[in-house]
Amino acid sequence: MIVLDANDRFKVYELLFSLFEYVNKQYKINPKVKKLHAGKKANAQELFPIREKLWSDDKIIDDYLKENPSNFAAEDLEIVSGFKKRIQDNFAVVKHYKKYSIFMGGNPTRNYAVCSISNPISENLPFGDYICLIQAVLIPFKGKIIYDTFLVPFSVHIGPGMRRGLNEEFKDIKDKHGIIETL
């Protein structure tokens, strides 16, 4: 699977980590989290409550954009502003293609072409290439759909009947509405 190039990957982490730092500082969620670096691995358990707060209210992003604590250029602020178009939901990851994976969900249910940030999405899921149910936040990035670095799988085994049903639903939605490649 194709992943974001190194510059775009760095940019995603730079923008999201700046947002996480801002939310953590404003709402005093986790005193252990200080400075996050786009080139270094972060502790997902420490960031998860910060991430939940970030997506709870668009006013947080509006306040961030006004303050611009990282002194980002207008182009970067426009990307962050686009995060308000996010889709936060439970999804079935139903297919993996060379350019993206298909996340089926949202309201109404649609098929979203989600690009991987750093390694194939199937490598981040407990069942690899098999259909998996997850909670995720989809965000726009430079004309693509990515996720906010967190994919939270449900520990549910999907049997053959459910797999068949999800595949049929995927095909039906694809025939009626296509695959959404940007938010």
N, C-alpha and C. Protein backbone atom coordinates (compact mmCIF):
# COMPACT_ATOMS: atom_id res chain seq x y z
N MET A 1 0.83 -1.18 0.00
CA MET A 1 0.00 0.00 0.00
C MET A 1 0.87 1.24 0.00
N ILE A 2 0.48 2.20 -0.78
CA ILE A 2 1.18 3.48 -0.83
C ILE A 2 0.89 4.25 0.47
N VAL A 3 1.90 4.86 1.03
CA VAL A 3 1.75 5.68 2.22
C VAL A 3 2.15 7.12 1.87
N LEU A 4 1.86 8.04 2.76
CA LEU A 4 2.26 9.43 2.52
C LEU A 4 3.78 9.51 2.38
N ASP A 5 4.23 10.43 1.54
CA ASP A 5 5.69 10.59 1.43
C ASP A 5 6.22 11.21 2.72
N ALA A 6 7.52 11.19 2.88
CA ALA A 6 8.15 11.61 4.14
C ALA A 6 7.79 13.04 4.52
N ASN A 7 7.74 13.95 3.55
CA ASN A 7 7.41 15.35 3.86
C ASN A 7 5.97 15.49 4.35
N ASP A 8 5.03 14.81 3.67
CA ASP A 8 3.63 14.88 4.09
C ASP A 8 3.43 14.19 5.44
N ARG A 9 4.09 13.07 5.64
CA ARG A 9 3.99 12.36 6.92
C ARG A 9 4.47 13.27 8.05
N PHE A 10 5.63 13.92 7.84
CA PHE A 10 6.15 14.85 8.85
C PHE A 10 5.15 15.97 9.11
N LYS A 11 4.56 16.50 8.05
CA LYS A 11 3.60 17.61 8.18
C LYS A 11 2.36 17.17 8.98
N VAL A 12 1.84 15.99 8.70
CA VAL A 12 0.67 15.48 9.45
C VAL A 12 0.99 15.43 10.93
N TYR A 13 2.12 14.82 11.27
CA TYR A 13 2.49 14.71 12.68
C TYR A 13 2.76 16.08 13.30
N GLU A 14 3.41 16.95 12.56
CA GLU A 14 3.70 18.29 13.06
C GLU A 14 2.40 19.02 13.41
N LEU A 15 1.41 18.97 12.52
CA LEU A 15 0.14 19.67 12.74
C LEU A 15 -0.65 19.03 13.87
N LEU A 16 -0.79 17.72 13.84
CA LEU A 16 -1.57 17.04 14.88
C LEU A 16 -0.91 17.16 16.24
N PHE A 17 0.41 16.99 16.30
CA PHE A 17 1.09 17.09 17.59
C PHE A 17 0.99 18.50 18.16
N SER A 18 1.04 19.51 17.31
CA SER A 18 0.86 20.87 17.78
C SER A 18 -0.54 21.06 18.37
N LEU A 19 -1.53 20.49 17.69
CA LEU A 19 -2.91 20.54 18.22
C LEU A 19 -3.01 19.82 19.55
N PHE A 20 -2.42 18.62 19.63
CA PHE A 20 -2.47 17.86 20.88
C PHE A 20 -1.81 18.64 22.02
N GLU A 21 -0.66 19.24 21.75
CA GLU A 21 0.02 20.04 22.78
C GLU A 21 -0.86 21.19 23.24
N TYR A 22 -1.47 21.87 22.28
CA TYR A 22 -2.34 23.00 22.59
C TYR A 22 -3.51 22.56 23.47
N VAL A 23 -4.18 21.50 23.09
CA VAL A 23 -5.32 21.00 23.86
C VAL A 23 -4.88 20.59 25.26
N ASN A 24 -3.76 19.90 25.34
CA ASN A 24 -3.27 19.46 26.63
C ASN A 24 -2.95 20.65 27.55
N LYS A 25 -2.35 21.66 26.97
CA LYS A 25 -2.00 22.84 27.77
C LYS A 25 -3.25 23.61 28.20
N GLN A 26 -4.20 23.78 27.29
CA GLN A 26 -5.42 24.54 27.59
C GLN A 26 -6.31 23.84 28.61
N TYR A 27 -6.40 22.53 28.52
CA TYR A 27 -7.35 21.78 29.35
C TYR A 27 -6.67 20.94 30.43
N LYS A 28 -5.34 21.04 30.52
CA LYS A 28 -4.57 20.38 31.57
C LYS A 28 -4.98 18.90 31.73
N ILE A 29 -4.85 18.17 30.64
CA ILE A 29 -5.30 16.78 30.61
C ILE A 29 -4.24 15.81 31.13
N ASN A 30 -2.99 15.96 30.68
CA ASN A 30 -1.95 15.02 31.08
C ASN A 30 -0.64 15.77 31.29
N PRO A 31 -0.24 15.96 32.54
CA PRO A 31 1.00 16.72 32.81
C PRO A 31 2.26 16.03 32.29
N LYS A 32 2.20 14.73 31.99
CA LYS A 32 3.35 14.01 31.45
C LYS A 32 3.67 14.45 30.02
N VAL A 33 2.64 14.90 29.30
CA VAL A 33 2.83 15.27 27.91
C VAL A 33 3.27 16.73 27.85
N LYS A 34 4.46 16.94 27.35
CA LYS A 34 5.00 18.31 27.24
C LYS A 34 5.15 18.68 25.77
N LYS A 35 6.28 18.31 25.19
CA LYS A 35 6.59 18.64 23.81
C LYS A 35 6.59 17.37 22.98
N LEU A 36 5.83 17.40 21.89
CA LEU A 36 5.77 16.26 20.98
C LEU A 36 6.57 16.61 19.73
N HIS A 37 7.28 15.64 19.21
CA HIS A 37 8.11 15.87 18.03
C HIS A 37 7.65 14.98 16.89
N ALA A 38 7.50 15.57 15.72
CA ALA A 38 7.00 14.84 14.55
C ALA A 38 7.89 13.68 14.15
N GLY A 39 9.14 13.71 14.49
CA GLY A 39 10.06 12.64 14.11
C GLY A 39 10.22 11.55 15.16
N LYS A 40 9.54 11.69 16.31
CA LYS A 40 9.70 10.73 17.40
C LYS A 40 8.36 10.07 17.72
N LYS A 41 8.44 8.85 18.19
CA LYS A 41 7.25 8.10 18.55
C LYS A 41 6.63 8.69 19.81
N ALA A 42 5.31 8.76 19.83
CA ALA A 42 4.60 9.29 20.99
C ALA A 42 3.86 8.15 21.69
N ASN A 43 3.57 8.33 22.95
CA ASN A 43 2.84 7.34 23.73
C ASN A 43 1.34 7.49 23.46
N ALA A 44 0.77 6.53 22.76
CA ALA A 44 -0.64 6.61 22.36
C ALA A 44 -1.58 6.67 23.56
N GLN A 45 -1.28 5.94 24.62
CA GLN A 45 -2.15 5.95 25.79
C GLN A 45 -2.17 7.33 26.44
N GLU A 46 -1.04 8.02 26.43
CA GLU A 46 -0.99 9.37 27.00
C GLU A 46 -1.71 10.37 26.12
N LEU A 47 -1.68 10.16 24.81
CA LEU A 47 -2.30 11.11 23.88
C LEU A 47 -3.80 10.90 23.68
N PHE A 48 -4.27 9.68 23.92
CA PHE A 48 -5.66 9.36 23.59
C PHE A 48 -6.68 10.29 24.26
N PRO A 49 -6.57 10.56 25.57
CA PRO A 49 -7.55 11.47 26.18
C PRO A 49 -7.46 12.90 25.62
N ILE A 50 -6.26 13.30 25.21
CA ILE A 50 -6.08 14.62 24.60
C ILE A 50 -6.78 14.64 23.25
N ARG A 51 -6.60 13.60 22.50
CA ARG A 51 -7.24 13.46 21.18
C ARG A 51 -8.76 13.50 21.33
N GLU A 52 -9.29 12.81 22.33
CA GLU A 52 -10.74 12.79 22.55
C GLU A 52 -11.27 14.21 22.83
N LYS A 53 -10.54 14.95 23.63
CA LYS A 53 -10.95 16.34 23.93
C LYS A 53 -10.88 17.20 22.66
N LEU A 54 -9.83 17.05 21.89
CA LEU A 54 -9.67 17.83 20.66
C LEU A 54 -10.89 17.70 19.76
N TRP A 55 -11.37 16.49 19.53
CA TRP A 55 -12.46 16.29 18.59
C TRP A 55 -13.84 16.51 19.22
N SER A 56 -13.89 16.87 20.49
CA SER A 56 -15.19 17.05 21.16
C SER A 56 -15.89 18.35 20.79
N ASP A 57 -15.15 19.33 20.26
CA ASP A 57 -15.76 20.64 20.01
C ASP A 57 -14.92 21.41 18.98
N ASP A 58 -15.56 21.85 17.89
CA ASP A 58 -14.85 22.61 16.86
C ASP A 58 -14.30 23.94 17.39
N LYS A 59 -14.84 24.44 18.48
CA LYS A 59 -14.34 25.69 19.05
C LYS A 59 -12.86 25.56 19.44
N ILE A 60 -12.44 24.37 19.81
CA ILE A 60 -11.04 24.15 20.17
C ILE A 60 -10.15 24.44 18.96
N ILE A 61 -10.54 23.95 17.80
CA ILE A 61 -9.76 24.22 16.58
C ILE A 61 -9.82 25.70 16.23
N ASP A 62 -10.98 26.32 16.37
CA ASP A 62 -11.10 27.76 16.10
C ASP A 62 -10.17 28.56 17.01
N ASP A 63 -10.14 28.23 18.30
CA ASP A 63 -9.25 28.92 19.24
C ASP A 63 -7.79 28.71 18.87
N TYR A 64 -7.46 27.48 18.50
CA TYR A 64 -6.09 27.16 18.08
C TYR A 64 -5.70 28.01 16.87
N LEU A 65 -6.59 28.10 15.90
CA LEU A 65 -6.30 28.87 14.69
C LEU A 65 -6.10 30.35 15.01
N LYS A 66 -6.88 30.89 15.93
CA LYS A 66 -6.72 32.30 16.32
C LYS A 66 -5.37 32.53 16.99
N GLU A 67 -5.00 31.62 17.89
CA GLU A 67 -3.76 31.79 18.64
C GLU A 67 -2.52 31.41 17.81
N ASN A 68 -2.66 30.40 16.95
CA ASN A 68 -1.56 29.90 16.13
C ASN A 68 -0.27 29.75 16.97
N PRO A 69 -0.32 28.91 18.01
CA PRO A 69 0.80 28.81 18.95
C PRO A 69 2.11 28.31 18.33
N SER A 70 2.04 27.63 17.21
CA SER A 70 3.26 27.13 16.56
C SER A 70 3.71 28.03 15.41
N ASN A 71 3.03 29.17 15.25
CA ASN A 71 3.36 30.11 14.19
C ASN A 71 3.40 29.45 12.80
N PHE A 72 2.37 28.68 12.52
CA PHE A 72 2.28 28.02 11.22
C PHE A 72 1.94 29.03 10.13
N ALA A 73 2.35 28.70 8.93
CA ALA A 73 2.01 29.50 7.75
C ALA A 73 0.52 29.32 7.44
N ALA A 74 -0.01 30.23 6.63
CA ALA A 74 -1.43 30.20 6.28
C ALA A 74 -1.84 28.87 5.66
N GLU A 75 -0.97 28.30 4.83
CA GLU A 75 -1.26 27.01 4.18
C GLU A 75 -1.48 25.91 5.22
N ASP A 76 -0.66 25.89 6.26
CA ASP A 76 -0.79 24.89 7.32
C ASP A 76 -2.06 25.13 8.14
N LEU A 77 -2.36 26.38 8.41
CA LEU A 77 -3.57 26.70 9.16
C LEU A 77 -4.82 26.30 8.38
N GLU A 78 -4.75 26.41 7.07
CA GLU A 78 -5.89 25.98 6.24
C GLU A 78 -6.09 24.47 6.35
N ILE A 79 -5.01 23.72 6.42
CA ILE A 79 -5.12 22.26 6.61
C ILE A 79 -5.79 21.98 7.95
N VAL A 80 -5.32 22.65 9.00
CA VAL A 80 -5.90 22.44 10.33
C VAL A 80 -7.37 22.84 10.34
N SER A 81 -7.72 23.92 9.71
CA SER A 81 -9.12 24.34 9.62
C SER A 81 -9.97 23.26 8.96
N GLY A 82 -9.39 22.60 7.96
CA GLY A 82 -10.09 21.52 7.27
C GLY A 82 -10.43 20.34 8.18
N PHE A 83 -9.71 20.21 9.30
CA PHE A 83 -9.97 19.11 10.23
C PHE A 83 -11.38 19.20 10.82
N LYS A 84 -12.00 20.36 10.73
CA LYS A 84 -13.38 20.49 11.23
C LYS A 84 -14.36 19.70 10.35
N LYS A 85 -13.93 19.30 9.16
CA LYS A 85 -14.77 18.48 8.28
C LYS A 85 -14.66 17.00 8.61
N ARG A 86 -14.02 16.69 9.70
CA ARG A 86 -13.75 15.30 10.08
C ARG A 86 -15.03 14.45 10.14
N ILE A 87 -14.81 13.16 10.03
CA ILE A 87 -15.88 12.18 10.25
C ILE A 87 -15.39 11.28 11.36
N GLN A 88 -16.05 11.36 12.47
CA GLN A 88 -15.68 10.59 13.66
C GLN A 88 -16.77 9.55 13.87
N ASP A 89 -16.40 8.27 13.72
CA ASP A 89 -17.44 7.25 13.75
C ASP A 89 -16.81 5.87 13.92
N ASN A 90 -17.69 4.88 13.95
CA ASN A 90 -17.27 3.48 13.88
C ASN A 90 -17.30 3.09 12.41
N PHE A 91 -16.30 2.35 12.00
CA PHE A 91 -16.17 1.95 10.60
C PHE A 91 -15.87 0.46 10.50
N ALA A 92 -16.23 -0.09 9.37
CA ALA A 92 -15.75 -1.42 9.00
C ALA A 92 -14.67 -1.19 7.94
N VAL A 93 -13.49 -1.67 8.20
CA VAL A 93 -12.42 -1.60 7.19
C VAL A 93 -12.63 -2.84 6.33
N VAL A 94 -13.11 -2.62 5.10
CA VAL A 94 -13.59 -3.74 4.28
C VAL A 94 -12.66 -4.15 3.14
N LYS A 95 -11.82 -3.25 2.67
CA LYS A 95 -10.94 -3.56 1.54
C LYS A 95 -9.64 -2.81 1.69
N HIS A 96 -8.58 -3.40 1.14
CA HIS A 96 -7.29 -2.74 1.08
C HIS A 96 -6.83 -2.76 -0.38
N TYR A 97 -6.63 -1.57 -0.92
CA TYR A 97 -6.13 -1.43 -2.29
C TYR A 97 -4.72 -0.87 -2.23
N LYS A 98 -4.10 -0.76 -3.39
CA LYS A 98 -2.73 -0.25 -3.45
C LYS A 98 -2.65 1.20 -2.94
N LYS A 99 -3.63 2.04 -3.30
CA LYS A 99 -3.57 3.46 -2.95
C LYS A 99 -4.26 3.82 -1.64
N TYR A 100 -5.18 2.99 -1.17
CA TYR A 100 -5.92 3.31 0.04
C TYR A 100 -6.67 2.09 0.55
N SER A 101 -7.20 2.23 1.76
CA SER A 101 -8.10 1.22 2.34
C SER A 101 -9.50 1.81 2.37
N ILE A 102 -10.51 0.95 2.31
CA ILE A 102 -11.90 1.41 2.34
C ILE A 102 -12.44 1.28 3.76
N PHE A 103 -12.86 2.43 4.30
CA PHE A 103 -13.53 2.48 5.59
C PHE A 103 -15.01 2.72 5.28
N MET A 104 -15.85 1.80 5.69
CA MET A 104 -17.28 1.93 5.44
C MET A 104 -17.95 2.35 6.75
N GLY A 105 -18.62 3.52 6.69
CA GLY A 105 -19.29 4.02 7.89
C GLY A 105 -19.76 5.43 7.67
N GLY A 106 -19.97 6.14 8.76
CA GLY A 106 -20.47 7.51 8.67
C GLY A 106 -21.98 7.53 8.64
N ASN A 107 -22.53 8.72 8.58
CA ASN A 107 -23.98 8.88 8.55
C ASN A 107 -24.34 9.90 7.48
N PRO A 108 -24.87 9.50 6.35
CA PRO A 108 -25.23 8.13 5.98
C PRO A 108 -23.98 7.30 5.67
N THR A 109 -24.16 6.01 5.70
CA THR A 109 -23.04 5.10 5.46
C THR A 109 -22.50 5.28 4.05
N ARG A 110 -21.18 5.46 3.98
CA ARG A 110 -20.48 5.64 2.72
C ARG A 110 -19.18 4.86 2.77
N ASN A 111 -18.55 4.74 1.61
CA ASN A 111 -17.23 4.12 1.50
C ASN A 111 -16.20 5.23 1.36
N TYR A 112 -15.24 5.27 2.28
CA TYR A 112 -14.21 6.30 2.28
C TYR A 112 -12.86 5.69 1.91
N ALA A 113 -12.15 6.31 0.98
CA ALA A 113 -10.82 5.89 0.58
C ALA A 113 -9.82 6.56 1.53
N VAL A 114 -9.28 5.79 2.46
CA VAL A 114 -8.41 6.33 3.50
C VAL A 114 -6.96 5.95 3.21
N CYS A 115 -6.13 6.98 3.09
CA CYS A 115 -4.70 6.79 2.83
C CYS A 115 -3.96 6.54 4.14
N SER A 116 -2.95 5.73 4.05
CA SER A 116 -2.14 5.43 5.22
C SER A 116 -1.13 6.55 5.45
N ILE A 117 -0.83 6.80 6.70
CA ILE A 117 0.13 7.85 7.03
C ILE A 117 1.57 7.33 6.91
N SER A 118 1.87 6.23 7.60
CA SER A 118 3.26 5.79 7.62
C SER A 118 3.49 4.34 7.25
N ASN A 119 2.55 3.47 7.50
CA ASN A 119 2.68 2.08 7.07
C ASN A 119 1.29 1.57 6.71
N PRO A 120 1.20 0.50 5.96
CA PRO A 120 -0.10 0.04 5.51
C PRO A 120 -1.11 -0.10 6.66
N ILE A 121 -2.32 0.35 6.42
CA ILE A 121 -3.35 0.32 7.45
C ILE A 121 -3.54 -1.10 7.97
N SER A 122 -3.48 -2.09 7.09
CA SER A 122 -3.68 -3.47 7.53
C SER A 122 -2.65 -3.89 8.59
N GLU A 123 -1.48 -3.27 8.59
CA GLU A 123 -0.46 -3.58 9.60
C GLU A 123 -0.82 -3.00 10.96
N ASN A 124 -1.74 -2.04 11.00
CA ASN A 124 -2.16 -1.42 12.25
C ASN A 124 -3.41 -2.07 12.84
N LEU A 125 -3.93 -3.08 12.16
CA LEU A 125 -5.17 -3.70 12.58
C LEU A 125 -4.92 -5.12 13.08
N PRO A 126 -5.70 -5.58 14.06
CA PRO A 126 -5.44 -6.89 14.65
C PRO A 126 -5.66 -8.07 13.70
N PHE A 127 -6.49 -7.89 12.67
CA PHE A 127 -6.79 -9.01 11.78
C PHE A 127 -6.20 -8.81 10.39
N GLY A 128 -5.25 -7.89 10.25
CA GLY A 128 -4.54 -7.69 8.99
C GLY A 128 -5.47 -7.32 7.85
N ASP A 129 -5.47 -8.15 6.81
CA ASP A 129 -6.26 -7.86 5.62
C ASP A 129 -7.74 -8.22 5.76
N TYR A 130 -8.12 -8.87 6.85
CA TYR A 130 -9.51 -9.25 7.03
C TYR A 130 -10.35 -8.06 7.47
N ILE A 131 -11.64 -8.14 7.24
CA ILE A 131 -12.55 -7.07 7.66
C ILE A 131 -12.43 -6.88 9.17
N CYS A 132 -12.39 -5.63 9.57
CA CYS A 132 -12.19 -5.27 10.97
C CYS A 132 -13.10 -4.11 11.31
N LEU A 133 -13.65 -4.10 12.52
CA LEU A 133 -14.46 -2.98 13.00
C LEU A 133 -13.58 -2.08 13.87
N ILE A 134 -13.63 -0.78 13.58
CA ILE A 134 -12.78 0.16 14.31
C ILE A 134 -13.54 1.44 14.62
N GLN A 135 -12.97 2.21 15.53
CA GLN A 135 -13.39 3.59 15.76
C GLN A 135 -12.26 4.44 15.23
N ALA A 136 -12.60 5.48 14.45
CA ALA A 136 -11.55 6.32 13.86
C ALA A 136 -12.09 7.73 13.62
N VAL A 137 -11.17 8.64 13.45
CA VAL A 137 -11.50 10.01 13.05
C VAL A 137 -10.81 10.23 11.70
N LEU A 138 -11.62 10.42 10.66
CA LEU A 138 -11.11 10.68 9.32
C LEU A 138 -10.98 12.18 9.13
N ILE A 139 -9.85 12.61 8.59
CA ILE A 139 -9.61 14.04 8.39
C ILE A 139 -9.07 14.27 6.98
N PRO A 140 -9.35 15.45 6.41
CA PRO A 140 -8.80 15.76 5.09
C PRO A 140 -7.35 16.21 5.21
N PHE A 141 -6.57 15.85 4.18
CA PHE A 141 -5.18 16.30 4.12
C PHE A 141 -4.76 16.36 2.66
N LYS A 142 -4.56 17.54 2.15
CA LYS A 142 -4.07 17.77 0.79
C LYS A 142 -4.84 16.95 -0.26
N GLY A 143 -6.15 17.01 -0.19
CA GLY A 143 -6.99 16.35 -1.18
C GLY A 143 -7.19 14.86 -0.95
N LYS A 144 -6.69 14.35 0.15
CA LYS A 144 -6.84 12.93 0.50
C LYS A 144 -7.57 12.83 1.83
N ILE A 145 -7.97 11.62 2.16
CA ILE A 145 -8.52 11.34 3.48
C ILE A 145 -7.48 10.52 4.23
N ILE A 146 -7.15 10.97 5.43
CA ILE A 146 -6.27 10.21 6.32
C ILE A 146 -7.01 10.05 7.65
N TYR A 147 -6.37 9.49 8.63
CA TYR A 147 -6.95 9.36 9.96
C TYR A 147 -6.04 10.10 10.94
N ASP A 148 -6.53 10.36 12.11
CA ASP A 148 -5.81 11.21 13.06
C ASP A 148 -4.70 10.50 13.83
N THR A 149 -4.15 9.45 13.29
CA THR A 149 -3.08 8.61 13.83
C THR A 149 -3.60 7.51 14.75
N PHE A 150 -4.88 7.54 15.12
CA PHE A 150 -5.44 6.52 15.99
C PHE A 150 -6.45 5.66 15.24
N LEU A 151 -6.27 4.35 15.27
CA LEU A 151 -7.27 3.39 14.80
C LEU A 151 -7.56 2.50 16.00
N VAL A 152 -8.79 2.55 16.49
CA VAL A 152 -9.14 1.82 17.70
C VAL A 152 -10.01 0.62 17.31
N PRO A 153 -9.42 -0.58 17.26
CA PRO A 153 -10.19 -1.75 16.85
C PRO A 153 -11.11 -2.25 17.95
N PHE A 154 -12.24 -2.80 17.53
CA PHE A 154 -13.14 -3.48 18.45
C PHE A 154 -12.70 -4.94 18.49
N SER A 155 -12.73 -5.54 19.65
CA SER A 155 -12.33 -6.94 19.74
C SER A 155 -13.53 -7.83 19.42
N VAL A 156 -13.90 -7.80 18.16
CA VAL A 156 -15.03 -8.57 17.67
C VAL A 156 -14.54 -9.43 16.51
N HIS A 157 -14.83 -10.71 16.60
CA HIS A 157 -14.49 -11.60 15.48
C HIS A 157 -15.64 -11.56 14.49
N ILE A 158 -15.32 -11.31 13.24
CA ILE A 158 -16.34 -11.24 12.20
C ILE A 158 -16.36 -12.57 11.46
N GLY A 159 -17.47 -13.26 11.60
CA GLY A 159 -17.62 -14.56 10.96
C GLY A 159 -17.95 -14.42 9.49
N PRO A 160 -18.03 -15.56 8.80
CA PRO A 160 -18.26 -15.54 7.35
C PRO A 160 -19.58 -14.88 6.94
N GLY A 161 -20.63 -15.08 7.70
CA GLY A 161 -21.91 -14.47 7.36
C GLY A 161 -21.86 -12.95 7.44
N MET A 162 -21.27 -12.44 8.49
CA MET A 162 -21.15 -10.99 8.64
C MET A 162 -20.20 -10.42 7.59
N ARG A 163 -19.12 -11.14 7.30
CA ARG A 163 -18.19 -10.70 6.27
C ARG A 163 -18.90 -10.59 4.92
N ARG A 164 -19.68 -11.60 4.61
CA ARG A 164 -20.43 -11.60 3.35
C ARG A 164 -21.39 -10.41 3.31
N GLY A 165 -22.09 -10.17 4.42
CA GLY A 165 -23.03 -9.04 4.49
C GLY A 165 -22.33 -7.70 4.33
N LEU A 166 -21.18 -7.53 4.97
CA LEU A 166 -20.43 -6.28 4.85
C LEU A 166 -19.90 -6.09 3.44
N ASN A 167 -19.44 -7.16 2.82
CA ASN A 167 -18.97 -7.07 1.44
C ASN A 167 -20.10 -6.70 0.48
N GLU A 168 -21.28 -7.27 0.71
CA GLU A 168 -22.44 -6.92 -0.12
C GLU A 168 -22.83 -5.46 0.08
N GLU A 169 -22.80 -5.00 1.34
CA GLU A 169 -23.12 -3.60 1.63
C GLU A 169 -22.10 -2.67 0.97
N PHE A 170 -20.82 -3.04 1.05
CA PHE A 170 -19.76 -2.25 0.41
C PHE A 170 -20.05 -2.11 -1.09
N LYS A 171 -20.34 -3.22 -1.76
CA LYS A 171 -20.60 -3.20 -3.20
C LYS A 171 -21.84 -2.38 -3.53
N ASP A 172 -22.89 -2.52 -2.71
CA ASP A 172 -24.12 -1.76 -2.94
C ASP A 172 -23.87 -0.26 -2.81
N ILE A 173 -23.17 0.14 -1.76
CA ILE A 173 -22.87 1.56 -1.55
C ILE A 173 -21.94 2.07 -2.66
N LYS A 174 -20.98 1.24 -3.05
CA LYS A 174 -20.06 1.64 -4.13
C LYS A 174 -20.83 1.86 -5.43
N ASP A 175 -21.78 0.98 -5.75
CA ASP A 175 -22.57 1.12 -6.97
C ASP A 175 -23.45 2.37 -6.94
N LYS A 176 -24.02 2.68 -5.78
CA LYS A 176 -24.94 3.82 -5.67
C LYS A 176 -24.23 5.17 -5.48
N HIS A 177 -23.12 5.15 -4.72
CA HIS A 177 -22.51 6.42 -4.32
C HIS A 177 -21.02 6.53 -4.62
N GLY A 178 -20.42 5.45 -5.12
CA GLY A 178 -19.01 5.47 -5.41
C GLY A 178 -18.16 5.38 -4.15
N ILE A 179 -16.92 5.79 -4.28
CA ILE A 179 -15.98 5.82 -3.16
C ILE A 179 -15.55 7.26 -2.95
N ILE A 180 -15.70 7.74 -1.75
CA ILE A 180 -15.36 9.13 -1.41
C ILE A 180 -13.86 9.21 -1.16
N GLU A 181 -13.18 10.07 -1.93
CA GLU A 181 -11.73 10.17 -1.84
C GLU A 181 -11.24 11.45 -1.17
N THR A 182 -12.14 12.37 -0.87
CA THR A 182 -11.76 13.61 -0.18
C THR A 182 -12.94 14.10 0.63
N LEU A 183 -12.65 14.82 1.71
CA LEU A 183 -13.70 15.37 2.58
C LEU A 183 -13.89 16.85 2.30
